[in-house]
Amino acid sequence: MSRLSTLEAAIQAYLDTMYDGDLDRFDRIFHPTAQLHGWRDGQPVCWPIARYREITAGRASAKASGASREEAVLAIDFASDRSAVAKVRVRMGAAVFVDYLVFALVDGRWQITAKQFEPAA
């Protein structure tokens, strides 16, 4: 598989995880040191990956609620053979977000090391 196709598979794994809340996949796609930055109730937030995992585990998934999927890969940019950024749009319940995902190729596998999320306009 090409570098692009393996990154696209990792991006799809992220989108699948956001839809179905699968925590095993969550643990594979996010690097253990990942940080999340974004906005909650108009205020900036910064969470370590363990906090975001708790949030994911504590909410009903879109799949469980019967919601349809709404997602798109908007951009992919490689900084090097081992670093990349993806911009995606994804529905989470009633809200749609634009996420910037920073990926690193660690031990032959793309993992998210940082996520910036913003409610879509």
Protein backbone atom coordinates (compact mmCIF):
# COMPACT_ATOMS: atom_id res chain seq x y z
CA MET A 1 0.00 0.00 0.00
CA SER A 2 1.16 3.52 -0.71
CA ARG A 3 1.84 6.15 1.92
CA LEU A 4 -1.35 7.98 0.84
CA SER A 5 -3.55 4.89 0.94
CA THR A 6 -2.33 3.90 4.42
CA LEU A 7 -2.99 7.44 5.68
CA GLU A 8 -6.44 7.40 4.07
CA ALA A 9 -7.15 4.12 5.88
CA ALA A 10 -6.13 5.75 9.19
CA ILE A 11 -8.38 8.73 8.48
CA GLN A 12 -11.26 6.35 7.75
CA ALA A 13 -10.55 4.53 11.02
CA TYR A 14 -10.85 7.89 12.80
CA LEU A 15 -14.17 8.66 11.06
CA ASP A 16 -15.45 5.16 11.87
CA THR A 17 -14.49 5.68 15.51
CA MET A 18 -16.25 9.03 15.69
CA TYR A 19 -19.39 7.34 14.33
CA ASP A 20 -19.46 4.12 16.34
CA GLY A 21 -17.41 4.97 19.44
CA ASP A 22 -15.32 1.77 19.23
CA LEU A 23 -12.78 2.21 22.04
CA ASP A 24 -10.42 -0.51 20.81
CA ARG A 25 -10.09 1.33 17.50
CA PHE A 26 -9.85 4.63 19.40
CA ASP A 27 -6.81 3.26 21.26
CA ARG A 28 -5.17 2.22 17.98
CA ILE A 29 -5.79 5.44 16.04
CA PHE A 30 -4.78 7.93 18.76
CA HIS A 31 -1.19 7.98 19.99
CA PRO A 32 -1.02 7.71 23.81
CA THR A 33 0.51 11.22 24.02
CA ALA A 34 -2.13 12.88 21.79
CA GLN A 35 -3.59 16.25 22.80
CA LEU A 36 -6.90 17.76 21.73
CA HIS A 37 -7.60 21.45 21.41
CA GLY A 38 -10.87 23.08 20.51
CA TRP A 39 -13.89 24.99 21.70
CA ARG A 40 -16.59 24.01 24.19
CA ASP A 41 -19.36 26.46 25.07
CA GLY A 42 -17.38 29.28 23.50
CA GLN A 43 -14.29 28.59 25.59
CA PRO A 44 -11.00 27.04 24.48
CA VAL A 45 -10.24 23.59 25.86
CA CYS A 46 -7.19 21.35 25.90
CA TRP A 47 -7.53 17.69 26.80
CA PRO A 48 -5.06 14.84 27.05
CA ILE A 49 -6.15 11.77 25.11
CA ALA A 50 -7.26 9.99 28.32
CA ARG A 51 -9.86 12.73 28.94
CA TYR A 52 -11.15 12.53 25.38
CA ARG A 53 -11.40 8.75 25.69
CA GLU A 54 -13.55 9.20 28.82
CA ILE A 55 -15.81 11.60 26.91
CA THR A 56 -16.10 9.17 24.01
CA ALA A 57 -16.84 6.24 26.34
CA GLY A 58 -19.49 8.25 28.21
CA ARG A 59 -21.62 9.37 25.29
CA ALA A 60 -23.98 7.43 23.08
CA SER A 61 -22.47 6.96 19.65
CA ALA A 62 -24.13 8.31 16.54
CA LYS A 63 -24.45 4.71 15.36
CA ALA A 64 -26.25 3.68 18.56
CA SER A 65 -28.71 6.54 18.16
CA GLY A 66 -29.41 5.56 14.54
CA ALA A 67 -27.99 8.79 13.09
CA SER A 68 -26.81 8.76 9.52
CA ARG A 69 -23.15 9.34 8.77
CA GLU A 70 -22.05 12.74 7.55
CA GLU A 71 -18.34 13.05 6.94
CA ALA A 72 -15.82 14.18 4.38
CA VAL A 73 -12.06 14.34 3.98
CA LEU A 74 -11.42 17.96 2.97
CA ALA A 75 -7.62 17.97 2.67
CA ILE A 76 -4.49 15.90 3.22
CA ASP A 77 -1.00 17.36 3.44
CA PHE A 78 2.26 15.48 3.97
CA ALA A 79 4.97 17.36 5.85
CA SER A 80 7.36 14.43 5.37
CA ASP A 81 7.35 10.66 5.02
CA ARG A 82 6.39 10.39 8.69
CA SER A 83 4.18 13.44 9.35
CA ALA A 84 0.88 14.51 7.84
CA VAL A 85 -2.18 16.64 8.49
CA ALA A 86 -5.76 15.86 7.49
CA LYS A 87 -8.74 18.19 7.54
CA VAL A 88 -12.08 16.42 7.94
CA ARG A 89 -15.70 17.36 8.48
CA VAL A 90 -17.69 15.04 10.73
CA ARG A 91 -21.12 15.06 12.35
CA MET A 92 -21.18 14.30 16.07
CA GLY A 93 -24.82 14.12 17.14
CA ALA A 94 -26.51 17.41 16.29
CA ALA A 95 -23.22 19.24 15.68
CA VAL A 96 -20.90 19.22 12.70
CA PHE A 97 -17.18 19.77 13.32
CA VAL A 98 -14.14 20.54 11.23
CA ASP A 99 -11.20 18.63 12.67
CA TYR A 100 -7.53 19.08 11.89
CA LEU A 101 -5.75 15.81 12.63
CA VAL A 102 -1.97 15.67 12.94
CA PHE A 103 -0.64 12.20 12.14
CA ALA A 104 2.74 10.62 12.81
CA LEU A 105 3.95 7.36 11.32
CA VAL A 106 4.92 5.39 14.44
CA ASP A 107 6.21 1.83 14.10
CA GLY A 108 4.76 1.65 10.58
CA ARG A 109 1.29 2.85 11.60
CA TRP A 110 -0.31 6.29 11.22
CA GLN A 111 -1.54 7.61 14.56
CA ILE A 112 -3.14 10.91 15.56
CA THR A 113 -0.81 12.93 17.80
CA ALA A 114 -2.94 16.10 17.91
CA LYS A 115 -6.48 17.14 17.07
CA GLN A 116 -7.91 20.65 16.72
CA PHE A 117 -11.71 20.69 16.57
CA GLU A 118 -14.01 23.54 15.67
CA PRO A 119 -17.79 23.62 15.22
CA ALA A 120 -18.48 24.05 11.50
CA ALA A 121 -19.90 27.39 10.42
